[in-house]
Amino acid sequence: MTIHIDNPEIEYFFVHELKSDVKKFSDFILKNLKRHQQTNTFDITPVDPQKNAYKLTFDDIDTVDPDANPFKDIDDVAQYARELRERAWR
């Protein structure tokens, strides 16, 4: 195995702490990678949808509010689409 170390802190650790032993160095990396993987896992507990659901209720669903139309100012749909495409590519 060939190791090229550009970081002086890691090189110092490798030379002085591990005595330039590649096997110890690879074991050290693998052990810390496993620890890192174990500490960065998510603990996801399942949630009961019946207990955590929220029901949306609407009073007058059949009536349409005239102020609720966001496209009421658009007269020419083709021109509006062209302008959207031009603005998206700029």
PDB file of N, CA and C in Angstrom:
ATOM      1  N   MET A   1       0.845  -1.166   0.000  1.00  0.00           N
ATOM      2  CA  MET A   1       0.000   0.000   0.000  1.00  0.00           C
ATOM      3  C   MET A   1       0.891   1.229   0.000  1.00  0.00           C
ATOM      4  N   THR A   2       0.535   2.205  -0.815  1.00  0.00           N
ATOM      5  CA  THR A   2       1.255   3.464  -0.874  1.00  0.00           C
ATOM      6  C   THR A   2       0.361   4.571  -0.358  1.00  0.00           C
ATOM      7  N   ILE A   3       0.903   5.377   0.532  1.00  0.00           N
ATOM      8  CA  ILE A   3       0.133   6.484   1.097  1.00  0.00           C
ATOM      9  C   ILE A   3       0.868   7.776   0.789  1.00  0.00           C
ATOM     10  N   HIS A   4       0.141   8.713   0.205  1.00  0.00           N
ATOM     11  CA  HIS A   4       0.687  10.044  -0.060  1.00  0.00           C
ATOM     12  C   HIS A   4      -0.079  11.025   0.823  1.00  0.00           C
ATOM     13  N   ILE A   5       0.602  11.652   1.782  1.00  0.00           N
ATOM     14  CA  ILE A   5      -0.039  12.543   2.744  1.00  0.00           C
ATOM     15  C   ILE A   5       0.422  13.967   2.480  1.00  0.00           C
ATOM     16  N   ASP A   6      -0.562  14.843   2.186  1.00  0.00           N
ATOM     17  CA  ASP A   6      -0.261  16.258   1.944  1.00  0.00           C
ATOM     18  C   ASP A   6      -0.449  17.116   3.194  1.00  0.00           C
ATOM     19  N   ASN A   7      -1.189  16.620   4.140  1.00  0.00           N
ATOM     20  CA  ASN A   7      -1.488  17.383   5.346  1.00  0.00           C
ATOM     21  C   ASN A   7      -0.387  17.150   6.384  1.00  0.00           C
ATOM     22  N   PRO A   8       0.261  18.217   6.853  1.00  0.00           N
ATOM     23  CA  PRO A   8       1.368  18.040   7.811  1.00  0.00           C
ATOM     24  C   PRO A   8       0.917  17.482   9.160  1.00  0.00           C
ATOM     25  N   GLU A   9      -0.305  17.807   9.594  1.00  0.00           N
ATOM     26  CA  GLU A   9      -0.793  17.285  10.878  1.00  0.00           C
ATOM     27  C   GLU A   9      -0.998  15.770  10.799  1.00  0.00           C
ATOM     28  N   ILE A  10      -1.572  15.315   9.692  1.00  0.00           N
ATOM     29  CA  ILE A  10      -1.780  13.876   9.521  1.00  0.00           C
ATOM     30  C   ILE A  10      -0.440  13.163   9.357  1.00  0.00           C
ATOM     31  N   GLU A  11       0.470  13.789   8.641  1.00  0.00           N
ATOM     32  CA  GLU A  11       1.798  13.196   8.473  1.00  0.00           C
ATOM     33  C   GLU A  11       2.505  13.067   9.827  1.00  0.00           C
ATOM     34  N   TYR A  12       2.424  14.093  10.662  1.00  0.00           N
ATOM     35  CA  TYR A  12       3.028  14.039  11.993  1.00  0.00           C
ATOM     36  C   TYR A  12       2.406  12.909  12.817  1.00  0.00           C
ATOM     37  N   PHE A  13       1.071  12.805  12.774  1.00  0.00           N
ATOM     38  CA  PHE A  13       0.379  11.743  13.498  1.00  0.00           C
ATOM     39  C   PHE A  13       0.814  10.366  12.994  1.00  0.00           C
ATOM     40  N   PHE A  14       0.917  10.229  11.693  1.00  0.00           N
ATOM     41  CA  PHE A  14       1.310   8.954  11.104  1.00  0.00           C
ATOM     42  C   PHE A  14       2.734   8.569  11.498  1.00  0.00           C
ATOM     43  N   VAL A  15       3.644   9.516  11.457  1.00  0.00           N
ATOM     44  CA  VAL A  15       5.054   9.222  11.739  1.00  0.00           C
ATOM     45  C   VAL A  15       5.296   9.019  13.235  1.00  0.00           C
ATOM     46  N   HIS A  16       4.734   9.880  14.081  1.00  0.00           N
ATOM     47  CA  HIS A  16       5.063   9.836  15.503  1.00  0.00           C
ATOM     48  C   HIS A  16       4.137   8.953  16.335  1.00  0.00           C
ATOM     49  N   GLU A  17       2.875   8.978  16.057  1.00  0.00           N
ATOM     50  CA  GLU A  17       1.930   8.198  16.862  1.00  0.00           C
ATOM     51  C   GLU A  17       1.828   6.747  16.387  1.00  0.00           C
ATOM     52  N   LEU A  18       1.776   6.564  15.088  1.00  0.00           N
ATOM     53  CA  LEU A  18       1.628   5.201  14.566  1.00  0.00           C
ATOM     54  C   LEU A  18       2.955   4.589  14.121  1.00  0.00           C
ATOM     55  N   LYS A  19       4.010   5.303  14.293  1.00  0.00           N
ATOM     56  CA  LYS A  19       5.371   4.833  13.964  1.00  0.00           C
ATOM     57  C   LYS A  19       5.490   4.388  12.506  1.00  0.00           C
ATOM     58  N   SER A  20       4.815   5.100  11.612  1.00  0.00           N
ATOM     59  CA  SER A  20       4.846   4.851  10.166  1.00  0.00           C
ATOM     60  C   SER A  20       4.367   3.458   9.784  1.00  0.00           C
ATOM     61  N   ASP A  21       3.545   2.870  10.608  1.00  0.00           N
ATOM     62  CA  ASP A  21       3.011   1.537  10.324  1.00  0.00           C
ATOM     63  C   ASP A  21       1.718   1.689   9.519  1.00  0.00           C
ATOM     64  N   VAL A  22       1.756   1.244   8.271  1.00  0.00           N
ATOM     65  CA  VAL A  22       0.616   1.392   7.368  1.00  0.00           C
ATOM     66  C   VAL A  22      -0.569   0.574   7.865  1.00  0.00           C
ATOM     67  N   LYS A  23      -0.323  -0.592   8.396  1.00  0.00           N
ATOM     68  CA  LYS A  23      -1.403  -1.448   8.901  1.00  0.00           C
ATOM     69  C   LYS A  23      -2.131  -0.765  10.061  1.00  0.00           C
ATOM     70  N   LYS A  24      -1.382  -0.193  10.997  1.00  0.00           N
ATOM     71  CA  LYS A  24      -2.002   0.527  12.110  1.00  0.00           C
ATOM     72  C   LYS A  24      -2.798   1.730  11.606  1.00  0.00           C
ATOM     73  N   PHE A  25      -2.228   2.414  10.608  1.00  0.00           N
ATOM     74  CA  PHE A  25      -2.891   3.588  10.059  1.00  0.00           C
ATOM     75  C   PHE A  25      -4.208   3.214   9.383  1.00  0.00           C
ATOM     76  N   SER A  26      -4.207   2.147   8.594  1.00  0.00           N
ATOM     77  CA  SER A  26      -5.434   1.724   7.923  1.00  0.00           C
ATOM     78  C   SER A  26      -6.457   1.223   8.944  1.00  0.00           C
ATOM     79  N   ASP A  27      -5.995   0.508   9.984  1.00  0.00           N
ATOM     80  CA  ASP A  27      -6.921   0.080  11.041  1.00  0.00           C
ATOM     81  C   ASP A  27      -7.530   1.285  11.763  1.00  0.00           C
ATOM     82  N   PHE A  28      -6.702   2.284  12.015  1.00  0.00           N
ATOM     83  CA  PHE A  28      -7.172   3.498  12.672  1.00  0.00           C
ATOM     84  C   PHE A  28      -8.242   4.192  11.826  1.00  0.00           C
ATOM     85  N   ILE A  29      -8.009   4.301  10.537  1.00  0.00           N
ATOM     86  CA  ILE A  29      -8.975   4.945   9.639  1.00  0.00           C
ATOM     87  C   ILE A  29     -10.266   4.144   9.580  1.00  0.00           C
ATOM     88  N   LEU A  30     -10.162   2.829   9.425  1.00  0.00           N
ATOM     89  CA  LEU A  30     -11.365   1.992   9.338  1.00  0.00           C
ATOM     90  C   LEU A  30     -12.178   2.044  10.634  1.00  0.00           C
ATOM     91  N   LYS A  31     -11.496   2.027  11.774  1.00  0.00           N
ATOM     92  CA  LYS A  31     -12.201   2.084  13.061  1.00  0.00           C
ATOM     93  C   LYS A  31     -12.954   3.401  13.200  1.00  0.00           C
ATOM     94  N   ASN A  32     -12.309   4.492  12.809  1.00  0.00           N
ATOM     95  CA  ASN A  32     -12.957   5.796  12.922  1.00  0.00           C
ATOM     96  C   ASN A  32     -14.051   5.984  11.879  1.00  0.00           C
ATOM     97  N   LEU A  33     -13.901   5.388  10.725  1.00  0.00           N
ATOM     98  CA  LEU A  33     -14.975   5.439   9.737  1.00  0.00           C
ATOM     99  C   LEU A  33     -16.209   4.697  10.242  1.00  0.00           C
ATOM    100  N   LYS A  34     -16.003   3.535  10.845  1.00  0.00           N
ATOM    101  CA  LYS A  34     -17.132   2.779  11.389  1.00  0.00           C
ATOM    102  C   LYS A  34     -17.809   3.564  12.511  1.00  0.00           C
ATOM    103  N   ARG A  35     -17.008   4.186  13.375  1.00  0.00           N
ATOM    104  CA  ARG A  35     -17.578   4.986  14.457  1.00  0.00           C
ATOM    105  C   ARG A  35     -18.348   6.178  13.887  1.00  0.00           C
ATOM    106  N   HIS A  36     -17.797   6.793  12.856  1.00  0.00           N
ATOM    107  CA  HIS A  36     -18.459   7.928  12.220  1.00  0.00           C
ATOM    108  C   HIS A  36     -19.793   7.498  11.595  1.00  0.00           C
ATOM    109  N   GLN A  37     -19.818   6.339  10.962  1.00  0.00           N
ATOM    110  CA  GLN A  37     -21.050   5.839  10.364  1.00  0.00           C
ATOM    111  C   GLN A  37     -22.084   5.519  11.435  1.00  0.00           C
ATOM    112  N   GLN A  38     -21.652   4.997  12.562  1.00  0.00           N
ATOM    113  CA  GLN A  38     -22.583   4.651  13.634  1.00  0.00           C
ATOM    114  C   GLN A  38     -23.154   5.897  14.301  1.00  0.00           C
ATOM    115  N   THR A  39     -22.358   6.935  14.450  1.00  0.00           N
ATOM    116  CA  THR A  39     -22.851   8.132  15.127  1.00  0.00           C
ATOM    117  C   THR A  39     -23.696   8.999  14.208  1.00  0.00           C
ATOM    118  N   ASN A  40     -23.599   8.827  12.908  1.00  0.00           N
ATOM    119  CA  ASN A  40     -24.350   9.658  11.977  1.00  0.00           C
ATOM    120  C   ASN A  40     -25.539   8.930  11.369  1.00  0.00           C
ATOM    121  N   THR A  41     -26.129   8.043  12.119  1.00  0.00           N
ATOM    122  CA  THR A  41     -27.337   7.380  11.636  1.00  0.00           C
ATOM    123  C   THR A  41     -28.541   8.068  12.246  1.00  0.00           C
ATOM    124  N   PHE A  42     -29.644   7.997  11.547  1.00  0.00           N
ATOM    125  CA  PHE A  42     -30.875   8.608  12.020  1.00  0.00           C
ATOM    126  C   PHE A  42     -31.680   7.593  12.807  1.00  0.00           C
ATOM    127  N   ASP A  43     -32.252   8.052  13.895  1.00  0.00           N
ATOM    128  CA  ASP A  43     -33.157   7.228  14.672  1.00  0.00           C
ATOM    129  C   ASP A  43     -34.570   7.672  14.320  1.00  0.00           C
ATOM    130  N   ILE A  44     -35.178   6.940  13.415  1.00  0.00           N
ATOM    131  CA  ILE A  44     -36.506   7.302  12.941  1.00  0.00           C
ATOM    132  C   ILE A  44     -37.521   6.354  13.566  1.00  0.00           C
ATOM    133  N   THR A  45     -38.391   6.926  14.353  1.00  0.00           N
ATOM    134  CA  THR A  45     -39.450   6.114  14.950  1.00  0.00           C
ATOM    135  C   THR A  45     -40.712   6.292  14.114  1.00  0.00           C
ATOM    136  N   PRO A  46     -41.400   5.196  13.828  1.00  0.00           N
ATOM    137  CA  PRO A  46     -42.608   5.321  13.018  1.00  0.00           C
ATOM    138  C   PRO A  46     -43.701   6.086  13.761  1.00  0.00           C
ATOM    139  N   VAL A  47     -44.480   6.813  13.005  1.00  0.00           N
ATOM    140  CA  VAL A  47     -45.542   7.634  13.564  1.00  0.00           C
ATOM    141  C   VAL A  47     -46.880   7.082  13.091  1.00  0.00           C
ATOM    142  N   ASP A  48     -47.835   7.025  14.013  1.00  0.00           N
ATOM    143  CA  ASP A  48     -49.167   6.552  13.663  1.00  0.00           C
ATOM    144  C   ASP A  48     -49.908   7.652  12.909  1.00  0.00           C
ATOM    145  N   PRO A  49     -50.260   7.434  11.639  1.00  0.00           N
ATOM    146  CA  PRO A  49     -50.909   8.496  10.872  1.00  0.00           C
ATOM    147  C   PRO A  49     -52.302   8.843  11.405  1.00  0.00           C
ATOM    148  N   GLN A  50     -52.970   7.904  12.016  1.00  0.00           N
ATOM    149  CA  GLN A  50     -54.303   8.193  12.554  1.00  0.00           C
ATOM    150  C   GLN A  50     -54.232   9.193  13.716  1.00  0.00           C
ATOM    151  N   LYS A  51     -53.191   9.096  14.531  1.00  0.00           N
ATOM    152  CA  LYS A  51     -53.053   9.988  15.676  1.00  0.00           C
ATOM    153  C   LYS A  51     -52.450  11.336  15.295  1.00  0.00           C
ATOM    154  N   ASN A  52     -51.666  11.378  14.223  1.00  0.00           N
ATOM    155  CA  ASN A  52     -50.941  12.591  13.865  1.00  0.00           C
ATOM    156  C   ASN A  52     -51.483  13.278  12.623  1.00  0.00           C
ATOM    157  N   ALA A  53     -52.611  12.847  12.127  1.00  0.00           N
ATOM    158  CA  ALA A  53     -53.188  13.453  10.934  1.00  0.00           C
ATOM    159  C   ALA A  53     -53.954  14.719  11.307  1.00  0.00           C
ATOM    160  N   TYR A  54     -54.013  15.625  10.368  1.00  0.00           N
ATOM    161  CA  TYR A  54     -54.779  16.846  10.561  1.00  0.00           C
ATOM    162  C   TYR A  54     -55.728  16.979   9.385  1.00  0.00           C
ATOM    163  N   LYS A  55     -56.989  17.117   9.649  1.00  0.00           N
ATOM    164  CA  LYS A  55     -57.996  17.194   8.598  1.00  0.00           C
ATOM    165  C   LYS A  55     -58.250  18.656   8.264  1.00  0.00           C
ATOM    166  N   LEU A  56     -58.130  18.980   6.985  1.00  0.00           N
ATOM    167  CA  LEU A  56     -58.415  20.332   6.526  1.00  0.00           C
ATOM    168  C   LEU A  56     -59.903  20.445   6.233  1.00  0.00           C
ATOM    169  N   THR A  57     -60.506  21.482   6.736  1.00  0.00           N
ATOM    170  CA  THR A  57     -61.929  21.716   6.477  1.00  0.00           C
ATOM    171  C   THR A  57     -62.098  23.067   5.803  1.00  0.00           C
ATOM    172  N   PHE A  58     -62.987  23.106   4.824  1.00  0.00           N
ATOM    173  CA  PHE A  58     -63.287  24.328   4.089  1.00  0.00           C
ATOM    174  C   PHE A  58     -64.766  24.620   4.237  1.00  0.00           C
ATOM    175  N   ASP A  59     -65.081  25.887   4.460  1.00  0.00           N
ATOM    176  CA  ASP A  59     -66.474  26.264   4.665  1.00  0.00           C
ATOM    177  C   ASP A  59     -67.279  26.190   3.363  1.00  0.00           C
ATOM    178  N   ASP A  60     -66.927  27.023   2.398  1.00  0.00           N
ATOM    179  CA  ASP A  60     -67.655  27.070   1.130  1.00  0.00           C
ATOM    180  C   ASP A  60     -66.738  26.631   0.008  1.00  0.00           C
ATOM    181  N   ILE A  61     -66.692  25.354  -0.239  1.00  0.00           N
ATOM    182  CA  ILE A  61     -65.778  24.843  -1.265  1.00  0.00           C
ATOM    183  C   ILE A  61     -66.333  25.048  -2.669  1.00  0.00           C
ATOM    184  N   ASP A  62     -67.639  25.230  -2.797  1.00  0.00           N
ATOM    185  CA  ASP A  62     -68.237  25.401  -4.123  1.00  0.00           C
ATOM    186  C   ASP A  62     -68.170  26.841  -4.614  1.00  0.00           C
ATOM    187  N   THR A  63     -67.997  27.803  -3.738  1.00  0.00           N
ATOM    188  CA  THR A  63     -67.913  29.195  -4.171  1.00  0.00           C
ATOM    189  C   THR A  63     -66.469  29.540  -4.500  1.00  0.00           C
ATOM    190  N   VAL A  64     -66.311  30.307  -5.560  1.00  0.00           N
ATOM    191  CA  VAL A  64     -64.979  30.695  -6.019  1.00  0.00           C
ATOM    192  C   VAL A  64     -64.764  32.164  -5.692  1.00  0.00           C
ATOM    193  N   ASP A  65     -63.682  32.448  -5.020  1.00  0.00           N
ATOM    194  CA  ASP A  65     -63.336  33.823  -4.682  1.00  0.00           C
ATOM    195  C   ASP A  65     -62.702  34.473  -5.909  1.00  0.00           C
ATOM    196  N   PRO A  66     -63.230  35.575  -6.401  1.00  0.00           N
ATOM    197  CA  PRO A  66     -62.651  36.203  -7.606  1.00  0.00           C
ATOM    198  C   PRO A  66     -61.242  36.739  -7.373  1.00  0.00           C
ATOM    199  N   ASP A  67     -60.884  37.025  -6.136  1.00  0.00           N
ATOM    200  CA  ASP A  67     -59.531  37.519  -5.848  1.00  0.00           C
ATOM    201  C   ASP A  67     -58.506  36.391  -5.757  1.00  0.00           C
ATOM    202  N   ALA A  68     -58.956  35.163  -5.837  1.00  0.00           N
ATOM    203  CA  ALA A  68     -58.054  34.030  -5.672  1.00  0.00           C
ATOM    204  C   ALA A  68     -57.385  33.609  -6.975  1.00  0.00           C
ATOM    205  N   ASN A  69     -57.694  34.239  -8.075  1.00  0.00           N
ATOM    206  CA  ASN A  69     -57.115  33.869  -9.364  1.00  0.00           C
ATOM    207  C   ASN A  69     -55.817  34.637  -9.572  1.00  0.00           C
ATOM    208  N   PRO A  70     -54.662  33.981  -9.503  1.00  0.00           N
ATOM    209  CA  PRO A  70     -53.392  34.698  -9.669  1.00  0.00           C
ATOM    210  C   PRO A  70     -53.110  35.088 -11.117  1.00  0.00           C
ATOM    211  N   PHE A  71     -53.870  34.542 -12.075  1.00  0.00           N
ATOM    212  CA  PHE A  71     -53.628  34.812 -13.494  1.00  0.00           C
ATOM    213  C   PHE A  71     -54.675  35.741 -14.093  1.00  0.00           C
ATOM    214  N   LYS A  72     -55.390  36.500 -13.271  1.00  0.00           N
ATOM    215  CA  LYS A  72     -56.464  37.333 -13.792  1.00  0.00           C
ATOM    216  C   LYS A  72     -55.932  38.494 -14.632  1.00  0.00           C
ATOM    217  N   ASP A  73     -54.696  38.894 -14.447  1.00  0.00           N
ATOM    218  CA  ASP A  73     -54.130  40.005 -15.219  1.00  0.00           C
ATOM    219  C   ASP A  73     -53.569  39.564 -16.567  1.00  0.00           C
ATOM    220  N   ILE A  74     -53.540  38.287 -16.876  1.00  0.00           N
ATOM    221  CA  ILE A  74     -52.960  37.777 -18.112  1.00  0.00           C
ATOM    222  C   ILE A  74     -54.036  37.761 -19.195  1.00  0.00           C
ATOM    223  N   ASP A  75     -53.742  38.488 -20.282  1.00  0.00           N
ATOM    224  CA  ASP A  75     -54.682  38.525 -21.407  1.00  0.00           C
ATOM    225  C   ASP A  75     -54.280  37.529 -22.483  1.00  0.00           C
ATOM    226  N   ASP A  76     -52.979  37.492 -22.813  1.00  0.00           N
ATOM    227  CA  ASP A  76     -52.483  36.613 -23.871  1.00  0.00           C
ATOM    228  C   ASP A  76     -51.610  35.524 -23.232  1.00  0.00           C
ATOM    229  N   VAL A  77     -52.100  34.302 -23.226  1.00  0.00           N
ATOM    230  CA  VAL A  77     -51.391  33.200 -22.573  1.00  0.00           C
ATOM    231  C   VAL A  77     -50.095  32.873 -23.306  1.00  0.00           C
ATOM    232  N   ALA A  78     -50.110  32.914 -24.634  1.00  0.00           N
ATOM    233  CA  ALA A  78     -48.907  32.599 -25.418  1.00  0.00           C
ATOM    234  C   ALA A  78     -47.805  33.615 -25.150  1.00  0.00           C
ATOM    235  N   GLN A  79     -48.155  34.887 -25.115  1.00  0.00           N
ATOM    236  CA  GLN A  79     -47.166  35.930 -24.836  1.00  0.00           C
ATOM    237  C   GLN A  79     -46.606  35.770 -23.420  1.00  0.00           C
ATOM    238  N   TYR A  80     -47.446  35.455 -22.469  1.00  0.00           N
ATOM    239  CA  TYR A  80     -47.012  35.243 -21.085  1.00  0.00           C
ATOM    240  C   TYR A  80     -46.034  34.064 -20.996  1.00  0.00           C
ATOM    241  N   ALA A  81     -46.336  32.986 -21.718  1.00  0.00           N
ATOM    242  CA  ALA A  81     -45.445  31.820 -21.715  1.00  0.00           C
ATOM    243  C   ALA A  81     -44.099  32.162 -22.337  1.00  0.00           C
ATOM    244  N   ARG A  82     -44.107  32.957 -23.438  1.00  0.00           N
ATOM    245  CA  ARG A  82     -42.847  33.378 -24.063  1.00  0.00           C
ATOM    246  C   ARG A  82     -42.003  34.214 -23.094  1.00  0.00           C
ATOM    247  N   GLU A  83     -42.655  35.127 -22.401  1.00  0.00           N
ATOM    248  CA  GLU A  83     -41.926  35.970 -21.448  1.00  0.00           C
ATOM    249  C   GLU A  83     -41.353  35.151 -20.294  1.00  0.00           C
ATOM    250  N   LEU A  84     -42.105  34.164 -19.843  1.00  0.00           N
ATOM    251  CA  LEU A  84     -41.581  33.290 -18.783  1.00  0.00           C
ATOM    252  C   LEU A  84     -40.341  32.538 -19.241  1.00  0.00           C
ATOM    253  N   ARG A  85     -40.401  32.001 -20.466  1.00  0.00           N
ATOM    254  CA  ARG A  85     -39.239  31.263 -20.994  1.00  0.00           C
ATOM    255  C   ARG A  85     -38.042  32.182 -21.152  1.00  0.00           C
ATOM    256  N   GLU A  86     -38.261  33.395 -21.661  1.00  0.00           N
ATOM    257  CA  GLU A  86     -37.143  34.333 -21.845  1.00  0.00           C
ATOM    258  C   GLU A  86     -36.517  34.699 -20.505  1.00  0.00           C
ATOM    259  N   ARG A  87     -37.335  34.946 -19.486  1.00  0.00           N
ATOM    260  CA  ARG A  87     -36.798  35.288 -18.176  1.00  0.00           C
ATOM    261  C   ARG A  87     -36.072  34.112 -17.511  1.00  0.00           C
ATOM    262  N   ALA A  88     -36.536  32.913 -17.819  1.00  0.00           N
ATOM    263  CA  ALA A  88     -35.898  31.732 -17.225  1.00  0.00           C
ATOM    264  C   ALA A  88     -34.505  31.499 -17.810  1.00  0.00           C
ATOM    265  N   TRP A  89     -34.292  31.858 -19.046  1.00  0.00           N
ATOM    266  CA  TRP A  89     -32.998  31.611 -19.704  1.00  0.00           C
ATOM    267  C   TRP A  89     -32.016  32.753 -19.535  1.00  0.00           C
ATOM    268  N   ARG A  90     -32.422  33.833 -18.909  1.00  0.00           N
ATOM    269  CA  ARG A  90     -31.497  34.961 -18.729  1.00  0.00           C
ATOM    270  C   ARG A  90     -30.749  34.857 -17.452  1.00  0.00           C
TER     271      ARG A  90
END
